[in-house]
Amino acid sequence: RKESSAASDVYKRQAQFLKRTKSDWVLDITSLTMHSFVLPFLNIILLYTTLDFFVPTLKGSVNFGWTGAIAFNVLLDYGWYWNHRLFHGRTLMWNFHKVHHAPENLDILKTPRNSILSHFMMLYWWMIGTATFVALDPACIIFVGTISLMINFWGHSPFDLKSGTHFEKTISLVFITPRDHHWHHSKENSYCNFATVFTFWDRLHGTLYRTGEFPKSYGFPTQD
């Protein structure tokens, strides 16, 4: 019965995705274009040009390789964990970030819905830009970073792994799953599951929250 209820919940979320309004399509496609392509491109070009002007000798000076690229992205995920917690503090940063938590239905196209100013407050793009500049082979950094972004998009989708299977239990030991990240967007308990890729940081700091199910309601936290 529990599996049947979970499957029904997923179908319901998929149906909500298809029934979105025209204004939702326009807003989400615009946000996707701006925050996944235009702003990152401008951000990295600005940073790359600045570094090339002030510290040109650092360009291509670090041979990350695949091991270094993976290690860099693991540390970057930890940096983003704290960056994300700052976004949820009682600070000005929350005012710029809370638009990301406004939707009352969560799906993959809601991932980039954010304010323009919040983009420039995100550690991720500054660090990726810097690493790309200093890397002898930027392709390693870009490839691993792209995988991290794909996991972030997956986390906002309703397509989770089948609960209770050995595969799901193994994956969820290491990675943040959609069920985890959806709780971060819930009205009931959004101050949890801040990491994008790995569960290590939420486990370490006591902010990992799991019930085995998706939350029932989304949007601004009830305390706000």
Protein backbone atom coordinates (compact mmCIF):
# COMPACT_ATOMS: atom_id res chain seq x y z
CA ARG A 1 0.00 0.00 0.00
CA LYS A 2 2.88 2.36 0.85
CA GLU A 3 4.54 1.67 -2.54
CA SER A 4 1.21 2.27 -4.31
CA SER A 5 0.80 5.59 -2.48
CA ALA A 6 4.34 6.66 -3.39
CA ALA A 7 3.79 5.79 -7.06
CA SER A 8 0.51 7.71 -7.07
CA ASP A 9 2.30 10.72 -5.56
CA VAL A 10 4.90 10.66 -8.35
CA TYR A 11 2.20 10.44 -11.04
CA LYS A 12 0.43 13.37 -9.43
CA ARG A 13 3.59 15.49 -9.53
CA GLN A 14 4.21 14.55 -13.16
CA ALA A 15 0.65 15.60 -14.02
CA GLN A 16 1.16 18.92 -12.24
CA PHE A 17 4.26 19.50 -14.38
CA LEU A 18 2.27 19.06 -17.60
CA LYS A 19 -0.66 21.16 -16.40
CA ARG A 20 1.45 24.21 -15.55
CA THR A 21 0.04 27.54 -16.74
CA LYS A 22 1.34 29.49 -19.73
CA SER A 23 2.81 32.11 -17.38
CA ASP A 24 4.65 29.35 -15.48
CA TRP A 25 6.15 28.05 -18.73
CA VAL A 26 7.30 31.55 -19.70
CA LEU A 27 8.75 32.29 -16.25
CA ASP A 28 10.54 28.96 -15.92
CA ILE A 29 11.96 28.90 -19.45
CA THR A 30 13.16 32.50 -18.97
CA SER A 31 14.73 31.58 -15.61
CA LEU A 32 16.34 28.50 -17.16
CA THR A 33 17.86 30.59 -19.96
CA MET A 34 19.07 33.35 -17.64
CA HIS A 35 20.39 31.32 -14.70
CA SER A 36 21.73 28.30 -16.54
CA PHE A 37 23.26 30.00 -19.57
CA VAL A 38 23.32 33.81 -19.76
CA LEU A 39 24.32 34.74 -16.17
CA PRO A 40 26.87 31.90 -15.72
CA PHE A 41 28.45 32.86 -19.04
CA LEU A 42 28.67 36.53 -18.03
CA ASN A 43 29.85 35.59 -14.53
CA ILE A 44 32.67 33.38 -15.76
CA ILE A 45 33.72 35.73 -18.57
CA LEU A 46 33.87 38.66 -16.11
CA LEU A 47 35.92 36.65 -13.63
CA TYR A 48 38.15 35.14 -16.33
CA THR A 49 38.89 38.57 -17.82
CA THR A 50 39.63 40.09 -14.40
CA LEU A 51 41.99 37.28 -13.41
CA ASP A 52 43.72 37.37 -16.79
CA PHE A 53 44.36 41.10 -16.29
CA PHE A 54 45.60 41.00 -12.68
CA VAL A 55 47.22 37.55 -12.35
CA PRO A 56 47.91 36.23 -15.88
CA THR A 57 50.68 33.93 -14.62
CA LEU A 58 48.10 31.78 -12.80
CA LYS A 59 46.35 30.87 -16.03
CA GLY A 60 46.70 27.12 -16.67
CA SER A 61 49.06 26.75 -13.71
CA VAL A 62 47.27 23.91 -11.89
CA ASN A 63 47.11 20.37 -13.21
CA PHE A 64 43.92 19.15 -11.53
CA GLY A 65 43.45 15.99 -13.55
CA TRP A 66 40.32 13.94 -12.90
CA THR A 67 41.20 13.24 -9.26
CA GLY A 68 41.79 16.91 -8.54
CA ALA A 69 38.61 17.93 -10.37
CA ILE A 70 36.52 15.51 -8.30
CA ALA A 71 38.20 16.62 -5.05
CA PHE A 72 37.61 20.26 -5.98
CA ASN A 73 33.90 19.66 -6.58
CA VAL A 74 33.53 17.75 -3.30
CA LEU A 75 35.01 20.72 -1.43
CA LEU A 76 32.93 23.11 -3.51
CA ASP A 77 29.78 21.23 -2.45
CA TYR A 78 30.79 21.79 1.18
CA GLY A 79 31.36 25.47 0.48
CA TRP A 80 27.94 25.66 -1.14
CA TYR A 81 26.40 23.97 1.91
CA TRP A 82 27.44 26.96 4.04
CA ASN A 83 26.66 29.46 1.29
CA HIS A 84 23.16 27.96 1.12
CA ARG A 85 22.70 28.13 4.89
CA LEU A 86 23.59 31.83 4.75
CA PHE A 87 20.87 32.30 2.14
CA HIS A 88 18.40 30.90 4.68
CA GLY A 89 19.57 33.05 7.58
CA ARG A 90 17.81 36.13 8.87
CA THR A 91 19.80 38.29 6.48
CA LEU A 92 19.34 40.28 3.30
CA MET A 93 20.44 37.19 1.38
CA TRP A 94 17.14 35.44 2.16
CA ASN A 95 15.23 38.29 0.51
CA PHE A 96 17.05 37.57 -2.75
CA HIS A 97 16.82 33.78 -2.45
CA LYS A 98 13.25 33.27 -1.27
CA VAL A 99 11.81 33.56 -4.78
CA HIS A 100 13.36 30.11 -5.31
CA HIS A 101 11.11 28.82 -2.53
CA ALA A 102 7.94 30.53 -3.72
CA PRO A 103 6.57 27.75 -6.02
CA GLU A 104 3.94 25.55 -4.41
CA ASN A 105 4.66 22.75 -6.90
CA LEU A 106 8.26 21.64 -7.33
CA ASP A 107 9.69 20.22 -10.54
CA ILE A 108 12.90 20.26 -12.55
CA LEU A 109 12.15 23.58 -14.28
CA LYS A 110 11.89 25.31 -10.90
CA THR A 111 15.60 24.63 -10.29
CA PRO A 112 16.91 27.89 -11.80
CA ARG A 113 14.03 30.10 -10.65
CA ASN A 114 15.88 32.72 -8.63
CA SER A 115 16.61 36.43 -8.46
CA ILE A 116 19.39 37.86 -10.62
CA LEU A 117 21.26 39.30 -7.61
CA SER A 118 21.21 35.94 -5.80
CA HIS A 119 23.12 34.43 -8.71
CA PHE A 120 26.10 36.68 -7.99
CA MET A 121 25.97 35.70 -4.31
CA MET A 122 26.45 32.04 -5.15
CA LEU A 123 29.90 30.68 -4.38
CA TYR A 124 29.53 28.01 -7.06
CA TRP A 125 30.01 30.14 -10.16
CA TRP A 126 32.90 32.17 -8.72
CA MET A 127 34.79 29.03 -7.72
CA ILE A 128 34.09 27.20 -10.98
CA GLY A 129 35.22 30.26 -12.90
CA THR A 130 38.44 30.55 -10.90
CA ALA A 131 39.19 26.82 -11.19
CA THR A 132 38.58 26.94 -14.94
CA PHE A 133 41.05 29.80 -15.24
CA VAL A 134 43.87 28.19 -13.25
CA ALA A 135 43.30 24.66 -14.61
CA LEU A 136 45.77 23.26 -17.12
CA ASP A 137 42.88 21.23 -18.53
CA PRO A 138 39.59 23.08 -17.81
CA ALA A 139 37.58 20.24 -19.40
CA CYS A 140 37.97 18.12 -16.24
CA ILE A 141 36.57 20.90 -14.02
CA ILE A 142 33.74 21.67 -16.43
CA PHE A 143 32.73 18.01 -16.87
CA VAL A 144 32.60 17.18 -13.14
CA GLY A 145 30.89 20.50 -12.43
CA THR A 146 28.26 19.68 -15.06
CA ILE A 147 27.56 16.35 -13.34
CA SER A 148 27.01 18.25 -10.07
CA LEU A 149 24.56 20.59 -11.81
CA MET A 150 22.68 17.61 -13.26
CA ILE A 151 22.32 16.16 -9.75
CA ASN A 152 20.99 19.54 -8.61
CA PHE A 153 18.34 19.51 -11.36
CA TRP A 154 17.45 15.91 -10.51
CA GLY A 155 16.97 16.91 -6.87
CA HIS A 156 14.13 19.25 -7.86
CA SER A 157 12.36 16.61 -9.95
CA PRO A 158 9.72 14.10 -8.77
CA PHE A 159 11.71 11.18 -10.22
CA ASP A 160 13.26 9.58 -7.15
CA LEU A 161 14.67 6.07 -6.86
CA LYS A 162 12.33 3.31 -5.72
CA SER A 163 12.27 3.56 -1.94
CA GLY A 164 13.60 0.66 0.11
CA THR A 165 15.69 -1.03 -2.59
CA HIS A 166 19.37 -1.84 -2.02
CA PHE A 167 20.29 0.51 -4.87
CA GLU A 168 18.30 3.40 -3.36
CA LYS A 169 19.77 2.80 0.10
CA THR A 170 23.31 2.77 -1.33
CA ILE A 171 22.86 5.89 -3.44
CA SER A 172 21.16 7.82 -0.64
CA LEU A 173 24.07 7.13 1.71
CA VAL A 174 26.21 9.38 -0.46
CA PHE A 175 23.96 11.58 -2.60
CA ILE A 176 21.12 14.00 -1.95
CA THR A 177 18.01 12.56 -3.65
CA PRO A 178 14.82 14.30 -4.81
CA ARG A 179 13.01 13.16 -1.66
CA ASP A 180 15.71 14.91 0.40
CA HIS A 181 15.75 18.16 -1.54
CA HIS A 182 11.99 18.39 -1.77
CA TRP A 183 11.90 18.64 2.04
CA HIS A 184 14.17 21.66 1.74
CA HIS A 185 11.36 23.29 -0.28
CA SER A 186 8.59 22.24 2.10
CA LYS A 187 6.51 24.54 4.26
CA GLU A 188 6.84 22.20 7.23
CA ASN A 189 10.63 21.93 7.54
CA SER A 190 12.73 23.80 4.99
CA TYR A 191 15.74 24.35 7.27
CA CYS A 192 17.33 21.06 6.26
CA ASN A 193 19.16 19.28 3.43
CA PHE A 194 21.23 22.27 2.31
CA ALA A 195 23.83 20.38 0.27
CA THR A 196 23.34 19.93 -3.46
CA VAL A 197 25.25 16.74 -4.18
CA PHE A 198 26.55 14.89 -1.12
CA THR A 199 24.80 13.98 2.13
CA PHE A 200 28.06 14.19 4.12
CA TRP A 201 27.69 17.84 5.07
CA ASP A 202 24.10 17.63 6.30
CA ARG A 203 25.00 14.51 8.27
CA LEU A 204 28.03 16.25 9.77
CA HIS A 205 26.09 19.32 10.88
CA GLY A 206 22.83 17.64 11.86
CA THR A 207 20.68 19.14 9.10
CA LEU A 208 19.85 15.95 7.20
CA TYR A 209 16.11 15.31 7.39
CA ARG A 210 14.42 12.20 6.02
CA THR A 211 10.99 10.65 6.36
CA GLY A 212 11.05 8.23 3.41
CA GLU A 213 8.31 10.27 1.71
CA PHE A 214 7.85 13.53 -0.18
CA PRO A 215 6.45 16.52 1.74
CA LYS A 216 2.78 17.38 1.34
CA SER A 217 3.09 21.15 0.86
CA TYR A 218 5.61 23.48 -0.72
CA GLY A 219 6.31 27.20 -0.66
CA PHE A 220 7.59 29.72 1.83
CA PRO A 221 8.36 28.20 5.25
CA THR A 222 5.46 28.64 7.69
CA GLN A 223 7.62 30.79 9.99
CA ASP A 224 8.08 33.33 7.17
